[in-house]
Amino acid sequence: MPRIVPLEYGNADVQMQAEYDKIAAAQGRMTNMKRTLAHEPVAMEALLRWYPLRDVVQPFLGERLTTIFVHAISTSNDCLICSTYFRRILIDSGEEPSALQLDGREQTVVDFGRQLVDDSNAVSDELYTQLAQYFSPRQIVALTAFGGLMIATNIFNNALRIDLDEHLRDYRETDG
């Protein structure tokens, strides 16, 4: 049960209705998370900067590794919504999220994402050196900011107990 009821289109002011229309046109739907963020436009704007950051990171990571990175972060944060969302992308592209085949570069990115969640103060010199072998300082800055924004999104969903969207239910990880 969510702590805050997502804002319905009909209850939103004209400006937020226009934002709903814009998001639905660009992304196909207004999710429970976005409808909850709609209660505060500045909060929505802040967390939806995830998309432009993804667009900066994806050219140097590639689509697959970008998804794996945010899946690793969301899984480490135990964020049902985000981990399920990225699990769906991986499954729909033919991957088994619990048995990903990763090369050294990919594993380094996953390890970095998980370490950001576990304790960002404890990113070891060894892990950073590995990351710096693959990416420029500018790319590391973008990757770190992108990871941080993913963590913020996870926190928002977890703290407010946002309900899993119906279109994701079949992709939820089960213990079986």
N, C-alpha and C. Protein backbone atom coordinates (compact mmCIF):
# COMPACT_ATOMS: atom_id res chain seq x y z
N MET A 1 0.84 -1.18 0.00
CA MET A 1 0.00 0.00 0.00
C MET A 1 0.89 1.25 0.00
N PRO A 2 0.75 2.10 -1.00
CA PRO A 2 1.61 3.28 -1.05
C PRO A 2 1.29 4.25 0.08
N ARG A 3 2.30 4.95 0.52
CA ARG A 3 2.11 5.94 1.57
C ARG A 3 1.45 7.20 1.03
N ILE A 4 1.66 7.47 -0.24
CA ILE A 4 1.04 8.64 -0.89
C ILE A 4 0.34 8.13 -2.14
N VAL A 5 -0.91 8.45 -2.26
CA VAL A 5 -1.70 8.01 -3.41
C VAL A 5 -1.21 8.76 -4.65
N PRO A 6 -0.88 8.04 -5.71
CA PRO A 6 -0.45 8.71 -6.95
C PRO A 6 -1.51 9.69 -7.45
N LEU A 7 -1.05 10.81 -7.96
CA LEU A 7 -1.94 11.85 -8.45
C LEU A 7 -2.56 11.43 -9.78
N GLU A 8 -3.84 11.40 -9.82
CA GLU A 8 -4.57 11.05 -11.05
C GLU A 8 -4.61 12.26 -11.98
N TYR A 9 -4.64 11.98 -13.24
CA TYR A 9 -4.66 13.01 -14.28
C TYR A 9 -5.77 14.04 -14.01
N GLY A 10 -6.95 13.57 -13.72
CA GLY A 10 -8.09 14.45 -13.51
C GLY A 10 -7.97 15.35 -12.30
N ASN A 11 -7.12 14.99 -11.36
CA ASN A 11 -6.91 15.80 -10.15
C ASN A 11 -5.70 16.72 -10.26
N ALA A 12 -4.96 16.61 -11.34
CA ALA A 12 -3.78 17.44 -11.54
C ALA A 12 -4.18 18.79 -12.12
N ASP A 13 -3.38 19.82 -11.83
CA ASP A 13 -3.65 21.12 -12.44
C ASP A 13 -3.28 21.06 -13.93
N VAL A 14 -3.65 22.10 -14.65
CA VAL A 14 -3.46 22.12 -16.10
C VAL A 14 -1.99 21.94 -16.48
N GLN A 15 -1.10 22.57 -15.74
CA GLN A 15 0.33 22.46 -16.03
C GLN A 15 0.82 21.02 -15.85
N MET A 16 0.38 20.35 -14.78
CA MET A 16 0.80 18.98 -14.54
C MET A 16 0.13 18.04 -15.55
N GLN A 17 -1.09 18.34 -15.96
CA GLN A 17 -1.72 17.52 -17.01
C GLN A 17 -0.91 17.58 -18.29
N ALA A 18 -0.38 18.76 -18.60
CA ALA A 18 0.47 18.89 -19.78
C ALA A 18 1.74 18.05 -19.62
N GLU A 19 2.28 18.02 -18.40
CA GLU A 19 3.46 17.19 -18.13
C GLU A 19 3.13 15.71 -18.27
N TYR A 20 1.97 15.30 -17.77
CA TYR A 20 1.51 13.91 -17.94
C TYR A 20 1.48 13.55 -19.42
N ASP A 21 0.87 14.44 -20.22
CA ASP A 21 0.76 14.19 -21.65
C ASP A 21 2.14 14.08 -22.31
N LYS A 22 3.05 14.94 -21.91
CA LYS A 22 4.42 14.94 -22.45
C LYS A 22 5.14 13.64 -22.08
N ILE A 23 5.03 13.22 -20.84
CA ILE A 23 5.70 11.99 -20.39
C ILE A 23 5.08 10.78 -21.06
N ALA A 24 3.78 10.73 -21.13
CA ALA A 24 3.11 9.59 -21.78
C ALA A 24 3.49 9.50 -23.25
N ALA A 25 3.62 10.64 -23.92
CA ALA A 25 4.01 10.63 -25.33
C ALA A 25 5.45 10.15 -25.50
N ALA A 26 6.34 10.57 -24.61
CA ALA A 26 7.75 10.21 -24.72
C ALA A 26 8.06 8.81 -24.22
N GLN A 27 7.34 8.36 -23.17
CA GLN A 27 7.70 7.11 -22.51
C GLN A 27 6.60 6.06 -22.52
N GLY A 28 5.47 6.41 -23.09
CA GLY A 28 4.41 5.42 -23.24
C GLY A 28 3.41 5.34 -22.11
N ARG A 29 3.79 5.80 -20.93
CA ARG A 29 2.86 5.72 -19.80
C ARG A 29 3.35 6.61 -18.66
N MET A 30 2.44 6.89 -17.79
CA MET A 30 2.74 7.63 -16.57
C MET A 30 2.71 6.59 -15.45
N THR A 31 3.87 6.22 -14.94
CA THR A 31 3.98 5.15 -13.94
C THR A 31 3.50 5.62 -12.57
N ASN A 32 3.35 4.67 -11.66
CA ASN A 32 2.98 5.00 -10.28
C ASN A 32 4.01 5.94 -9.65
N MET A 33 5.29 5.70 -9.91
CA MET A 33 6.33 6.57 -9.36
C MET A 33 6.16 8.00 -9.89
N LYS A 34 5.98 8.14 -11.18
CA LYS A 34 5.86 9.47 -11.76
C LYS A 34 4.57 10.16 -11.31
N ARG A 35 3.51 9.40 -11.16
CA ARG A 35 2.25 10.00 -10.69
C ARG A 35 2.37 10.42 -9.23
N THR A 36 3.21 9.75 -8.46
CA THR A 36 3.46 10.16 -7.08
C THR A 36 4.35 11.41 -7.07
N LEU A 37 5.38 11.41 -7.89
CA LEU A 37 6.23 12.60 -8.01
C LEU A 37 5.43 13.82 -8.46
N ALA A 38 4.36 13.59 -9.18
CA ALA A 38 3.55 14.70 -9.71
C ALA A 38 2.96 15.59 -8.61
N HIS A 39 2.95 15.12 -7.39
CA HIS A 39 2.49 15.97 -6.28
C HIS A 39 3.42 17.16 -6.08
N GLU A 40 4.69 17.03 -6.49
CA GLU A 40 5.65 18.12 -6.33
C GLU A 40 6.48 18.23 -7.62
N PRO A 41 6.14 19.20 -8.47
CA PRO A 41 6.81 19.34 -9.77
C PRO A 41 8.33 19.44 -9.70
N VAL A 42 8.89 20.09 -8.70
CA VAL A 42 10.34 20.22 -8.62
C VAL A 42 10.97 18.87 -8.32
N ALA A 43 10.34 18.09 -7.45
CA ALA A 43 10.84 16.73 -7.16
C ALA A 43 10.78 15.88 -8.43
N MET A 44 9.69 16.01 -9.16
CA MET A 44 9.55 15.26 -10.41
C MET A 44 10.65 15.65 -11.38
N GLU A 45 10.86 16.93 -11.53
CA GLU A 45 11.90 17.42 -12.45
C GLU A 45 13.27 16.89 -12.04
N ALA A 46 13.56 16.89 -10.75
CA ALA A 46 14.87 16.42 -10.27
C ALA A 46 15.09 14.95 -10.60
N LEU A 47 14.14 14.10 -10.25
CA LEU A 47 14.34 12.67 -10.47
C LEU A 47 14.23 12.29 -11.95
N LEU A 48 13.48 13.03 -12.72
CA LEU A 48 13.38 12.70 -14.14
C LEU A 48 14.61 13.17 -14.94
N ARG A 49 15.56 13.84 -14.27
CA ARG A 49 16.85 14.13 -14.92
C ARG A 49 17.61 12.84 -15.16
N TRP A 50 17.11 11.73 -14.60
CA TRP A 50 17.67 10.40 -14.87
C TRP A 50 17.76 10.15 -16.37
N TYR A 51 16.73 10.55 -17.11
CA TYR A 51 16.69 10.28 -18.55
C TYR A 51 17.79 11.01 -19.32
N PRO A 52 18.00 12.30 -19.11
CA PRO A 52 19.11 12.95 -19.81
C PRO A 52 20.48 12.38 -19.39
N LEU A 53 20.64 12.01 -18.13
CA LEU A 53 21.90 11.39 -17.71
C LEU A 53 22.09 10.03 -18.37
N ARG A 54 21.01 9.27 -18.48
CA ARG A 54 21.10 7.99 -19.19
C ARG A 54 21.56 8.23 -20.63
N ASP A 55 21.05 9.29 -21.24
CA ASP A 55 21.42 9.60 -22.62
C ASP A 55 22.88 10.01 -22.75
N VAL A 56 23.50 10.47 -21.68
CA VAL A 56 24.93 10.78 -21.68
C VAL A 56 25.75 9.50 -21.48
N VAL A 57 25.28 8.63 -20.60
CA VAL A 57 26.02 7.41 -20.24
C VAL A 57 25.90 6.32 -21.31
N GLN A 58 24.74 6.19 -21.88
CA GLN A 58 24.48 5.08 -22.80
C GLN A 58 25.43 5.02 -24.01
N PRO A 59 25.84 6.14 -24.60
CA PRO A 59 26.77 6.03 -25.73
C PRO A 59 28.11 5.37 -25.39
N PHE A 60 28.61 5.56 -24.17
CA PHE A 60 29.90 4.93 -23.85
C PHE A 60 29.75 3.60 -23.12
N LEU A 61 28.60 3.35 -22.50
CA LEU A 61 28.37 2.04 -21.89
C LEU A 61 27.73 1.07 -22.87
N GLY A 62 26.86 1.59 -23.71
CA GLY A 62 26.02 0.76 -24.54
C GLY A 62 24.71 0.50 -23.81
N GLU A 63 23.70 0.17 -24.58
CA GLU A 63 22.37 -0.02 -24.00
C GLU A 63 22.34 -1.16 -22.98
N ARG A 64 22.96 -2.29 -23.33
CA ARG A 64 22.94 -3.46 -22.44
C ARG A 64 23.60 -3.15 -21.10
N LEU A 65 24.81 -2.60 -21.12
CA LEU A 65 25.51 -2.34 -19.87
C LEU A 65 24.86 -1.23 -19.06
N THR A 66 24.27 -0.26 -19.72
CA THR A 66 23.52 0.76 -19.00
C THR A 66 22.41 0.11 -18.19
N THR A 67 21.67 -0.80 -18.82
CA THR A 67 20.59 -1.50 -18.12
C THR A 67 21.13 -2.38 -17.00
N ILE A 68 22.22 -3.08 -17.27
CA ILE A 68 22.81 -3.94 -16.25
C ILE A 68 23.28 -3.12 -15.05
N PHE A 69 23.88 -1.96 -15.31
CA PHE A 69 24.34 -1.06 -14.24
C PHE A 69 23.20 -0.64 -13.32
N VAL A 70 22.12 -0.14 -13.90
CA VAL A 70 21.01 0.33 -13.06
C VAL A 70 20.24 -0.83 -12.43
N HIS A 71 20.24 -1.98 -13.09
CA HIS A 71 19.63 -3.18 -12.49
C HIS A 71 20.44 -3.59 -11.25
N ALA A 72 21.77 -3.58 -11.37
CA ALA A 72 22.63 -3.94 -10.23
C ALA A 72 22.40 -2.99 -9.05
N ILE A 73 22.32 -1.70 -9.33
CA ILE A 73 22.07 -0.72 -8.28
C ILE A 73 20.70 -0.97 -7.65
N SER A 74 19.68 -1.12 -8.47
CA SER A 74 18.32 -1.28 -7.96
C SER A 74 18.13 -2.57 -7.19
N THR A 75 18.80 -3.63 -7.64
CA THR A 75 18.75 -4.90 -6.93
C THR A 75 19.47 -4.78 -5.59
N SER A 76 20.62 -4.13 -5.59
CA SER A 76 21.36 -3.93 -4.34
C SER A 76 20.57 -3.08 -3.35
N ASN A 77 19.78 -2.15 -3.86
CA ASN A 77 18.94 -1.31 -3.01
C ASN A 77 17.61 -1.96 -2.66
N ASP A 78 17.37 -3.15 -3.18
CA ASP A 78 16.11 -3.86 -2.94
C ASP A 78 14.91 -2.99 -3.33
N CYS A 79 15.04 -2.33 -4.48
CA CYS A 79 13.94 -1.51 -5.00
C CYS A 79 13.10 -2.37 -5.95
N LEU A 80 11.94 -2.77 -5.48
CA LEU A 80 11.07 -3.65 -6.26
C LEU A 80 10.73 -3.05 -7.62
N ILE A 81 10.32 -1.80 -7.64
CA ILE A 81 9.89 -1.19 -8.90
C ILE A 81 11.04 -1.12 -9.91
N CYS A 82 12.15 -0.53 -9.51
CA CYS A 82 13.25 -0.34 -10.46
C CYS A 82 13.91 -1.66 -10.84
N SER A 83 14.14 -2.54 -9.88
CA SER A 83 14.78 -3.81 -10.23
C SER A 83 13.88 -4.61 -11.17
N THR A 84 12.58 -4.57 -10.96
CA THR A 84 11.65 -5.29 -11.84
C THR A 84 11.59 -4.63 -13.21
N TYR A 85 11.60 -3.31 -13.26
CA TYR A 85 11.58 -2.60 -14.53
C TYR A 85 12.79 -2.99 -15.39
N PHE A 86 13.98 -2.98 -14.79
CA PHE A 86 15.18 -3.32 -15.55
C PHE A 86 15.29 -4.82 -15.80
N ARG A 87 14.76 -5.61 -14.92
CA ARG A 87 14.68 -7.06 -15.13
C ARG A 87 13.84 -7.35 -16.38
N ARG A 88 12.74 -6.62 -16.53
CA ARG A 88 11.89 -6.77 -17.72
C ARG A 88 12.66 -6.47 -18.99
N ILE A 89 13.43 -5.40 -19.00
CA ILE A 89 14.21 -5.04 -20.17
C ILE A 89 15.21 -6.14 -20.50
N LEU A 90 15.89 -6.64 -19.49
CA LEU A 90 16.87 -7.71 -19.71
C LEU A 90 16.20 -8.97 -20.23
N ILE A 91 15.11 -9.38 -19.63
CA ILE A 91 14.40 -10.60 -20.06
C ILE A 91 13.89 -10.43 -21.48
N ASP A 92 13.28 -9.28 -21.77
CA ASP A 92 12.73 -9.05 -23.10
C ASP A 92 13.81 -9.00 -24.18
N SER A 93 15.06 -8.75 -23.77
CA SER A 93 16.17 -8.76 -24.73
C SER A 93 16.89 -10.11 -24.77
N GLY A 94 16.31 -11.11 -24.08
CA GLY A 94 16.85 -12.46 -24.14
C GLY A 94 17.86 -12.81 -23.06
N GLU A 95 18.02 -11.97 -22.07
CA GLU A 95 18.98 -12.21 -20.98
C GLU A 95 18.28 -12.88 -19.79
N GLU A 96 19.04 -13.58 -19.00
CA GLU A 96 18.57 -14.10 -17.71
C GLU A 96 19.26 -13.24 -16.65
N PRO A 97 18.51 -12.35 -16.00
CA PRO A 97 19.12 -11.40 -15.07
C PRO A 97 19.95 -12.03 -13.95
N SER A 98 19.62 -13.23 -13.54
CA SER A 98 20.38 -13.85 -12.46
C SER A 98 21.60 -14.63 -12.96
N ALA A 99 21.80 -14.66 -14.28
CA ALA A 99 22.93 -15.41 -14.85
C ALA A 99 23.57 -14.63 -16.00
N LEU A 100 23.83 -13.37 -15.78
CA LEU A 100 24.42 -12.54 -16.82
C LEU A 100 25.87 -12.93 -17.07
N GLN A 101 26.24 -12.95 -18.32
CA GLN A 101 27.63 -13.20 -18.71
C GLN A 101 28.30 -11.84 -18.90
N LEU A 102 29.29 -11.55 -18.04
CA LEU A 102 29.93 -10.24 -18.05
C LEU A 102 31.42 -10.36 -18.32
N ASP A 103 31.94 -9.46 -19.15
CA ASP A 103 33.39 -9.40 -19.33
C ASP A 103 33.97 -8.51 -18.22
N GLY A 104 35.28 -8.29 -18.24
CA GLY A 104 35.93 -7.52 -17.18
C GLY A 104 35.42 -6.10 -17.06
N ARG A 105 35.23 -5.44 -18.18
CA ARG A 105 34.71 -4.07 -18.19
C ARG A 105 33.31 -4.02 -17.58
N GLU A 106 32.47 -4.91 -18.02
CA GLU A 106 31.09 -4.95 -17.51
C GLU A 106 31.06 -5.26 -16.02
N GLN A 107 31.88 -6.21 -15.59
CA GLN A 107 31.91 -6.57 -14.17
C GLN A 107 32.39 -5.39 -13.32
N THR A 108 33.34 -4.64 -13.84
CA THR A 108 33.83 -3.46 -13.13
C THR A 108 32.71 -2.44 -12.95
N VAL A 109 31.92 -2.22 -13.98
CA VAL A 109 30.80 -1.27 -13.90
C VAL A 109 29.76 -1.77 -12.90
N VAL A 110 29.46 -3.05 -12.93
CA VAL A 110 28.50 -3.62 -11.97
C VAL A 110 29.04 -3.49 -10.54
N ASP A 111 30.30 -3.82 -10.34
CA ASP A 111 30.91 -3.71 -9.01
C ASP A 111 30.87 -2.27 -8.51
N PHE A 112 31.12 -1.32 -9.41
CA PHE A 112 31.08 0.09 -9.04
C PHE A 112 29.66 0.49 -8.62
N GLY A 113 28.67 0.09 -9.41
CA GLY A 113 27.28 0.41 -9.06
C GLY A 113 26.88 -0.17 -7.71
N ARG A 114 27.24 -1.41 -7.47
CA ARG A 114 26.91 -2.05 -6.18
C ARG A 114 27.63 -1.35 -5.03
N GLN A 115 28.87 -0.94 -5.27
CA GLN A 115 29.63 -0.26 -4.21
C GLN A 115 29.03 1.10 -3.91
N LEU A 116 28.50 1.78 -4.91
CA LEU A 116 27.83 3.06 -4.66
C LEU A 116 26.68 2.86 -3.68
N VAL A 117 25.98 1.75 -3.81
CA VAL A 117 24.86 1.45 -2.91
C VAL A 117 25.39 1.03 -1.54
N ASP A 118 26.32 0.10 -1.52
CA ASP A 118 26.78 -0.48 -0.26
C ASP A 118 27.46 0.55 0.64
N ASP A 119 28.38 1.33 0.07
CA ASP A 119 29.08 2.36 0.83
C ASP A 119 29.96 3.14 -0.15
N SER A 120 29.44 4.26 -0.60
CA SER A 120 30.18 5.03 -1.60
C SER A 120 31.51 5.55 -1.05
N ASN A 121 31.63 5.68 0.26
CA ASN A 121 32.90 6.08 0.86
C ASN A 121 33.96 4.99 0.75
N ALA A 122 33.54 3.77 0.48
CA ALA A 122 34.46 2.63 0.44
C ALA A 122 34.80 2.18 -0.98
N VAL A 123 34.57 3.04 -1.97
CA VAL A 123 35.03 2.69 -3.33
C VAL A 123 36.55 2.60 -3.24
N SER A 124 37.06 1.40 -3.41
CA SER A 124 38.50 1.17 -3.22
C SER A 124 39.31 1.79 -4.35
N ASP A 125 40.58 2.03 -4.05
CA ASP A 125 41.50 2.52 -5.09
C ASP A 125 41.59 1.50 -6.21
N GLU A 126 41.56 0.22 -5.85
CA GLU A 126 41.64 -0.84 -6.87
C GLU A 126 40.45 -0.78 -7.82
N LEU A 127 39.23 -0.65 -7.26
CA LEU A 127 38.04 -0.58 -8.11
C LEU A 127 38.08 0.68 -8.96
N TYR A 128 38.46 1.81 -8.36
CA TYR A 128 38.52 3.04 -9.14
C TYR A 128 39.56 2.94 -10.26
N THR A 129 40.71 2.34 -9.97
CA THR A 129 41.76 2.17 -10.99
C THR A 129 41.24 1.31 -12.15
N GLN A 130 40.49 0.26 -11.82
CA GLN A 130 39.90 -0.57 -12.88
C GLN A 130 38.93 0.26 -13.72
N LEU A 131 38.09 1.04 -13.05
CA LEU A 131 37.12 1.88 -13.75
C LEU A 131 37.85 2.87 -14.66
N ALA A 132 38.92 3.46 -14.15
CA ALA A 132 39.67 4.46 -14.91
C ALA A 132 40.41 3.86 -16.10
N GLN A 133 40.61 2.55 -16.09
CA GLN A 133 41.20 1.90 -17.26
C GLN A 133 40.24 1.88 -18.44
N TYR A 134 38.96 1.91 -18.15
CA TYR A 134 37.94 1.80 -19.19
C TYR A 134 37.30 3.14 -19.56
N PHE A 135 37.32 4.11 -18.64
CA PHE A 135 36.55 5.33 -18.86
C PHE A 135 37.37 6.58 -18.54
N SER A 136 37.03 7.67 -19.24
CA SER A 136 37.68 8.97 -19.01
C SER A 136 37.11 9.60 -17.74
N PRO A 137 37.80 10.62 -17.21
CA PRO A 137 37.25 11.32 -16.04
C PRO A 137 35.82 11.85 -16.30
N ARG A 138 35.58 12.40 -17.46
CA ARG A 138 34.25 12.91 -17.78
C ARG A 138 33.21 11.79 -17.73
N GLN A 139 33.56 10.64 -18.28
CA GLN A 139 32.64 9.51 -18.28
C GLN A 139 32.41 8.99 -16.86
N ILE A 140 33.44 8.97 -16.04
CA ILE A 140 33.29 8.51 -14.65
C ILE A 140 32.39 9.47 -13.87
N VAL A 141 32.54 10.76 -14.12
CA VAL A 141 31.65 11.74 -13.48
C VAL A 141 30.20 11.48 -13.87
N ALA A 142 29.95 11.29 -15.15
CA ALA A 142 28.58 11.03 -15.63
C ALA A 142 28.05 9.73 -15.05
N LEU A 143 28.87 8.69 -15.05
CA LEU A 143 28.45 7.38 -14.54
C LEU A 143 28.12 7.47 -13.05
N THR A 144 28.93 8.17 -12.29
CA THR A 144 28.70 8.31 -10.84
C THR A 144 27.43 9.11 -10.57
N ALA A 145 27.24 10.21 -11.29
CA ALA A 145 26.02 11.00 -11.11
C ALA A 145 24.79 10.19 -11.51
N PHE A 146 24.88 9.45 -12.59
CA PHE A 146 23.78 8.60 -13.04
C PHE A 146 23.47 7.54 -11.98
N GLY A 147 24.50 6.91 -11.44
CA GLY A 147 24.29 5.94 -10.37
C GLY A 147 23.65 6.58 -9.15
N GLY A 148 24.11 7.77 -8.80
CA GLY A 148 23.52 8.47 -7.65
C GLY A 148 22.06 8.80 -7.86
N LEU A 149 21.71 9.19 -9.05
CA LEU A 149 20.30 9.50 -9.34
C LEU A 149 19.46 8.23 -9.34
N MET A 150 20.05 7.12 -9.77
CA MET A 150 19.34 5.84 -9.70
C MET A 150 19.08 5.48 -8.24
N ILE A 151 20.06 5.69 -7.38
CA ILE A 151 19.90 5.43 -5.96
C ILE A 151 18.80 6.32 -5.38
N ALA A 152 18.79 7.59 -5.75
CA ALA A 152 17.76 8.51 -5.27
C ALA A 152 16.36 8.03 -5.68
N THR A 153 16.25 7.55 -6.91
CA THR A 153 14.98 7.02 -7.39
C THR A 153 14.57 5.79 -6.58
N ASN A 154 15.53 4.91 -6.31
CA ASN A 154 15.25 3.73 -5.48
C ASN A 154 14.76 4.14 -4.10
N ILE A 155 15.42 5.11 -3.50
CA ILE A 155 15.04 5.59 -2.17
C ILE A 155 13.62 6.14 -2.19
N PHE A 156 13.30 6.93 -3.18
CA PHE A 156 11.95 7.49 -3.31
C PHE A 156 10.91 6.38 -3.35
N ASN A 157 11.13 5.40 -4.22
CA ASN A 157 10.16 4.30 -4.36
C ASN A 157 10.05 3.48 -3.07
N ASN A 158 11.18 3.18 -2.45
CA ASN A 158 11.16 2.36 -1.24
C ASN A 158 10.54 3.08 -0.06
N ALA A 159 10.96 4.32 0.19
CA ALA A 159 10.48 5.06 1.36
C ALA A 159 8.98 5.33 1.30
N LEU A 160 8.47 5.58 0.09
CA LEU A 160 7.04 5.89 -0.05
C LEU A 160 6.22 4.66 -0.43
N ARG A 161 6.90 3.51 -0.50
CA ARG A 161 6.23 2.23 -0.79
C ARG A 161 5.34 2.31 -2.02
N ILE A 162 5.93 2.85 -3.08
CA ILE A 162 5.21 2.97 -4.35
C ILE A 162 4.85 1.57 -4.84
N ASP A 163 3.61 1.40 -5.27
CA ASP A 163 3.15 0.10 -5.78
C ASP A 163 3.81 -0.23 -7.11
N LEU A 164 4.08 -1.52 -7.30
CA LEU A 164 4.59 -2.02 -8.57
C LEU A 164 3.52 -1.80 -9.64
N ASP A 165 3.92 -1.27 -10.76
CA ASP A 165 2.98 -1.03 -11.86
C ASP A 165 2.50 -2.37 -12.42
N GLU A 166 1.26 -2.39 -12.82
CA GLU A 166 0.62 -3.61 -13.33
C GLU A 166 1.41 -4.25 -14.48
N HIS A 167 1.94 -3.43 -15.38
CA HIS A 167 2.65 -3.97 -16.55
C HIS A 167 3.97 -4.66 -16.18
N LEU A 168 4.40 -4.54 -14.93
CA LEU A 168 5.64 -5.18 -14.49
C LEU A 168 5.42 -6.45 -13.67
N ARG A 169 4.20 -6.71 -13.28
CA ARG A 169 3.93 -7.82 -12.34
C ARG A 169 4.45 -9.17 -12.83
N ASP A 170 4.34 -9.46 -14.10
CA ASP A 170 4.80 -10.76 -14.62
C ASP A 170 6.33 -10.89 -14.62
N TYR A 171 7.04 -9.79 -14.43
CA TYR A 171 8.50 -9.81 -14.46
C TYR A 171 9.12 -9.83 -13.06
N ARG A 172 8.29 -9.77 -12.05
CA ARG A 172 8.77 -9.74 -10.68
C ARG A 172 9.57 -11.02 -10.40
N GLU A 173 10.71 -10.84 -9.74
CA GLU A 173 11.53 -12.00 -9.40
C GLU A 173 10.82 -12.80 -8.31
N THR A 174 10.83 -14.10 -8.49
CA THR A 174 10.22 -14.98 -7.50
C THR A 174 11.30 -15.82 -6.86
N ASP A 175 11.02 -16.35 -5.70
CA ASP A 175 12.00 -17.17 -4.98
C ASP A 175 12.05 -18.58 -5.49
N GLY A 176 11.24 -18.93 -6.47
CA GLY A 176 11.17 -20.29 -6.97
C GLY A 176 12.24 -20.58 -7.91
